[in-house]
Amino acid sequence: MCSTLDRGIRATKHTPLATAYKTTFVGTMKLLRFIPEPLRNRYGLTALGLLAWLALFDRNDLWTMWKNQRELSRMDEQKTWYSGEIDRTREQLHELTSNKLLLEKFARERYLMKRDNEDIFVLVPEK
């Protein structure tokens, strides 16, 4: 025999609220099929949230790391260029200190130095 309590429960099963809950539950279950298994529990969601926070909102996010890496490579190129320039300048300094005629030529060409009885004419090409 059915008691009145059973009848009350059975009567609520077919109410619009119960039907809406059942539809929502079925929709949620269909949606859960597309979510990978490890992300269906709270630990997977927490790990995913942490990774998203680190990748997008942290002080050292992916965009900042990419910009820093690009700047580092640019600075490495500058470092090699400056090292080459330093080596070239050291060679010139060694040549200038070892040869007096070369030192005089360098001083005349670079700094327009002259002897007392000479005049210097600088020819500048027209643009």
C-alpha atoms as a PDB file:
ATOM      1  CA  MET A   1       0.000   0.000   0.000  1.00  0.00           C
ATOM      2  CA  CYS A   2       1.086   3.554  -0.610  1.00  0.00           C
ATOM      3  CA  SER A   3       1.281   5.863   2.296  1.00  0.00           C
ATOM      4  CA  THR A   4       0.548   9.549   2.085  1.00  0.00           C
ATOM      5  CA  LEU A   5       4.259  10.249   2.358  1.00  0.00           C
ATOM      6  CA  ASP A   6       4.936   8.154  -0.741  1.00  0.00           C
ATOM      7  CA  ARG A   7       2.146   9.897  -2.564  1.00  0.00           C
ATOM      8  CA  GLY A   8       3.659  13.287  -1.657  1.00  0.00           C
ATOM      9  CA  ILE A   9       7.040  12.321  -3.045  1.00  0.00           C
ATOM     10  CA  ARG A  10       5.521  10.832  -6.167  1.00  0.00           C
ATOM     11  CA  ALA A  11       3.416  13.902  -6.691  1.00  0.00           C
ATOM     12  CA  THR A  12       6.494  16.165  -6.588  1.00  0.00           C
ATOM     13  CA  LYS A  13       8.347  14.086  -9.170  1.00  0.00           C
ATOM     14  CA  HIS A  14       6.136  15.401 -11.936  1.00  0.00           C
ATOM     15  CA  THR A  15       6.069  19.024 -10.911  1.00  0.00           C
ATOM     16  CA  PRO A  16       7.549  21.586 -13.314  1.00  0.00           C
ATOM     17  CA  LEU A  17      10.391  22.307 -10.862  1.00  0.00           C
ATOM     18  CA  ALA A  18      11.442  18.663 -10.768  1.00  0.00           C
ATOM     19  CA  THR A  19      11.261  18.458 -14.552  1.00  0.00           C
ATOM     20  CA  ALA A  20      13.407  21.562 -14.915  1.00  0.00           C
ATOM     21  CA  TYR A  21      15.931  20.136 -12.451  1.00  0.00           C
ATOM     22  CA  LYS A  22      16.050  16.871 -14.378  1.00  0.00           C
ATOM     23  CA  THR A  23      16.541  18.723 -17.681  1.00  0.00           C
ATOM     24  CA  THR A  24      19.321  20.831 -16.175  1.00  0.00           C
ATOM     25  CA  PHE A  25      20.990  17.741 -14.735  1.00  0.00           C
ATOM     26  CA  VAL A  26      20.853  15.951 -18.092  1.00  0.00           C
ATOM     27  CA  GLY A  27      22.253  19.042 -19.821  1.00  0.00           C
ATOM     28  CA  THR A  28      25.053  19.197 -17.275  1.00  0.00           C
ATOM     29  CA  MET A  29      25.869  15.544 -17.800  1.00  0.00           C
ATOM     30  CA  LYS A  30      26.023  16.101 -21.573  1.00  0.00           C
ATOM     31  CA  LEU A  31      28.355  19.031 -20.984  1.00  0.00           C
ATOM     32  CA  LEU A  32      30.567  16.970 -18.682  1.00  0.00           C
ATOM     33  CA  ARG A  33      31.217  14.488 -21.509  1.00  0.00           C
ATOM     34  CA  PHE A  34      33.282  17.150 -23.285  1.00  0.00           C
ATOM     35  CA  ILE A  35      35.412  17.981 -20.234  1.00  0.00           C
ATOM     36  CA  PRO A  36      38.478  15.726 -19.827  1.00  0.00           C
ATOM     37  CA  GLU A  37      38.347  13.284 -16.937  1.00  0.00           C
ATOM     38  CA  PRO A  38      41.118  14.890 -14.799  1.00  0.00           C
ATOM     39  CA  LEU A  39      39.314  18.249 -14.821  1.00  0.00           C
ATOM     40  CA  ARG A  40      36.012  16.937 -13.528  1.00  0.00           C
ATOM     41  CA  ASN A  41      37.035  17.122  -9.881  1.00  0.00           C
ATOM     42  CA  ARG A  42      38.011  20.100  -7.735  1.00  0.00           C
ATOM     43  CA  TYR A  43      41.752  19.339  -7.783  1.00  0.00           C
ATOM     44  CA  GLY A  44      41.889  19.373 -11.560  1.00  0.00           C
ATOM     45  CA  LEU A  45      39.913  22.600 -11.664  1.00  0.00           C
ATOM     46  CA  THR A  46      42.209  24.129  -9.056  1.00  0.00           C
ATOM     47  CA  ALA A  47      45.290  23.118 -11.035  1.00  0.00           C
ATOM     48  CA  LEU A  48      43.766  24.518 -14.229  1.00  0.00           C
ATOM     49  CA  GLY A  49      42.878  27.763 -12.460  1.00  0.00           C
ATOM     50  CA  LEU A  50      46.407  28.075 -11.070  1.00  0.00           C
ATOM     51  CA  LEU A  51      47.957  27.507 -14.490  1.00  0.00           C
ATOM     52  CA  ALA A  52      45.613  30.064 -16.046  1.00  0.00           C
ATOM     53  CA  TRP A  53      46.511  32.579 -13.341  1.00  0.00           C
ATOM     54  CA  LEU A  54      50.241  32.029 -13.836  1.00  0.00           C
ATOM     55  CA  ALA A  55      49.971  32.202 -17.634  1.00  0.00           C
ATOM     56  CA  LEU A  56      47.724  35.251 -17.886  1.00  0.00           C
ATOM     57  CA  PHE A  57      47.646  37.389 -14.744  1.00  0.00           C
ATOM     58  CA  ASP A  58      50.919  36.882 -12.880  1.00  0.00           C
ATOM     59  CA  ARG A  59      53.709  39.456 -12.873  1.00  0.00           C
ATOM     60  CA  ASN A  60      55.806  37.081 -15.009  1.00  0.00           C
ATOM     61  CA  ASP A  61      53.062  35.981 -17.386  1.00  0.00           C
ATOM     62  CA  LEU A  62      53.697  34.507 -20.839  1.00  0.00           C
ATOM     63  CA  TRP A  63      53.582  37.858 -22.647  1.00  0.00           C
ATOM     64  CA  THR A  64      56.169  39.394 -20.313  1.00  0.00           C
ATOM     65  CA  MET A  65      58.408  36.345 -20.596  1.00  0.00           C
ATOM     66  CA  TRP A  66      58.238  36.549 -24.403  1.00  0.00           C
ATOM     67  CA  LYS A  67      59.113  40.256 -24.398  1.00  0.00           C
ATOM     68  CA  ASN A  68      62.023  39.677 -21.998  1.00  0.00           C
ATOM     69  CA  GLN A  69      63.339  36.818 -24.135  1.00  0.00           C
ATOM     70  CA  ARG A  70      63.189  39.006 -27.249  1.00  0.00           C
ATOM     71  CA  GLU A  71      65.025  41.828 -25.465  1.00  0.00           C
ATOM     72  CA  LEU A  72      67.655  39.386 -24.196  1.00  0.00           C
ATOM     73  CA  SER A  73      68.368  38.118 -27.703  1.00  0.00           C
ATOM     74  CA  ARG A  74      68.644  41.711 -28.960  1.00  0.00           C
ATOM     75  CA  MET A  75      71.085  42.528 -26.156  1.00  0.00           C
ATOM     76  CA  ASP A  76      73.159  39.425 -26.956  1.00  0.00           C
ATOM     77  CA  GLU A  77      73.477  40.644 -30.559  1.00  0.00           C
ATOM     78  CA  GLN A  78      74.582  44.051 -29.296  1.00  0.00           C
ATOM     79  CA  LYS A  79      77.101  42.394 -26.991  1.00  0.00           C
ATOM     80  CA  THR A  80      78.729  40.516 -29.879  1.00  0.00           C
ATOM     81  CA  TRP A  81      78.815  43.691 -32.002  1.00  0.00           C
ATOM     82  CA  TYR A  82      80.418  45.727 -29.204  1.00  0.00           C
ATOM     83  CA  SER A  83      82.941  42.960 -28.541  1.00  0.00           C
ATOM     84  CA  GLY A  84      83.956  43.090 -32.204  1.00  0.00           C
ATOM     85  CA  GLU A  85      84.256  46.877 -32.055  1.00  0.00           C
ATOM     86  CA  ILE A  86      86.411  46.669 -28.934  1.00  0.00           C
ATOM     87  CA  ASP A  87      88.729  44.164 -30.625  1.00  0.00           C
ATOM     88  CA  ARG A  88      88.997  46.358 -33.735  1.00  0.00           C
ATOM     89  CA  THR A  89      89.756  49.436 -31.599  1.00  0.00           C
ATOM     90  CA  ARG A  90      92.436  47.548 -29.664  1.00  0.00           C
ATOM     91  CA  GLU A  91      94.108  46.576 -32.937  1.00  0.00           C
ATOM     92  CA  GLN A  92      94.068  50.202 -34.096  1.00  0.00           C
ATOM     93  CA  LEU A  93      95.500  51.349 -30.769  1.00  0.00           C
ATOM     94  CA  HIS A  94      98.293  48.793 -31.001  1.00  0.00           C
ATOM     95  CA  GLU A  95      99.113  49.904 -34.573  1.00  0.00           C
ATOM     96  CA  LEU A  96      99.082  53.582 -33.600  1.00  0.00           C
ATOM     97  CA  THR A  97     101.341  53.121 -30.598  1.00  0.00           C
ATOM     98  CA  SER A  98     103.839  51.020 -32.542  1.00  0.00           C
ATOM     99  CA  ASN A  99     104.231  53.190 -35.694  1.00  0.00           C
ATOM    100  CA  LYS A 100     104.923  56.936 -35.495  1.00  0.00           C
ATOM    101  CA  LEU A 101     104.104  57.610 -39.162  1.00  0.00           C
ATOM    102  CA  LEU A 102     100.747  55.912 -38.813  1.00  0.00           C
ATOM    103  CA  LEU A 103     100.066  57.962 -35.672  1.00  0.00           C
ATOM    104  CA  GLU A 104     100.780  61.185 -37.565  1.00  0.00           C
ATOM    105  CA  LYS A 105      98.522  60.119 -40.454  1.00  0.00           C
ATOM    106  CA  PHE A 106      95.732  59.235 -38.027  1.00  0.00           C
ATOM    107  CA  ALA A 107      96.011  62.597 -36.227  1.00  0.00           C
ATOM    108  CA  ARG A 108      95.962  64.540 -39.501  1.00  0.00           C
ATOM    109  CA  GLU A 109      92.958  62.659 -40.949  1.00  0.00           C
ATOM    110  CA  ARG A 110      90.851  62.244 -37.869  1.00  0.00           C
ATOM    111  CA  TYR A 111      91.491  65.396 -35.868  1.00  0.00           C
ATOM    112  CA  LEU A 112      92.691  67.746 -38.649  1.00  0.00           C
ATOM    113  CA  MET A 113      95.988  68.409 -36.881  1.00  0.00           C
ATOM    114  CA  LYS A 114      98.725  70.232 -38.782  1.00  0.00           C
ATOM    115  CA  ARG A 115     102.228  71.461 -38.468  1.00  0.00           C
ATOM    116  CA  ASP A 116     102.968  75.124 -37.899  1.00  0.00           C
ATOM    117  CA  ASN A 117     103.901  75.908 -41.504  1.00  0.00           C
ATOM    118  CA  GLU A 118     100.955  74.050 -43.137  1.00  0.00           C
ATOM    119  CA  ASP A 119      97.414  74.982 -44.131  1.00  0.00           C
ATOM    120  CA  ILE A 120      94.555  72.488 -44.224  1.00  0.00           C
ATOM    121  CA  PHE A 121      91.739  72.577 -46.743  1.00  0.00           C
ATOM    122  CA  VAL A 122      88.754  70.360 -46.067  1.00  0.00           C
ATOM    123  CA  LEU A 123      86.708  69.411 -49.099  1.00  0.00           C
ATOM    124  CA  VAL A 124      83.107  68.530 -48.306  1.00  0.00           C
ATOM    125  CA  PRO A 125      81.058  67.014 -51.129  1.00  0.00           C
ATOM    126  CA  GLU A 126      77.800  68.753 -51.987  1.00  0.00           C
ATOM    127  CA  LYS A 127      74.585  66.929 -51.290  1.00  0.00           C
END
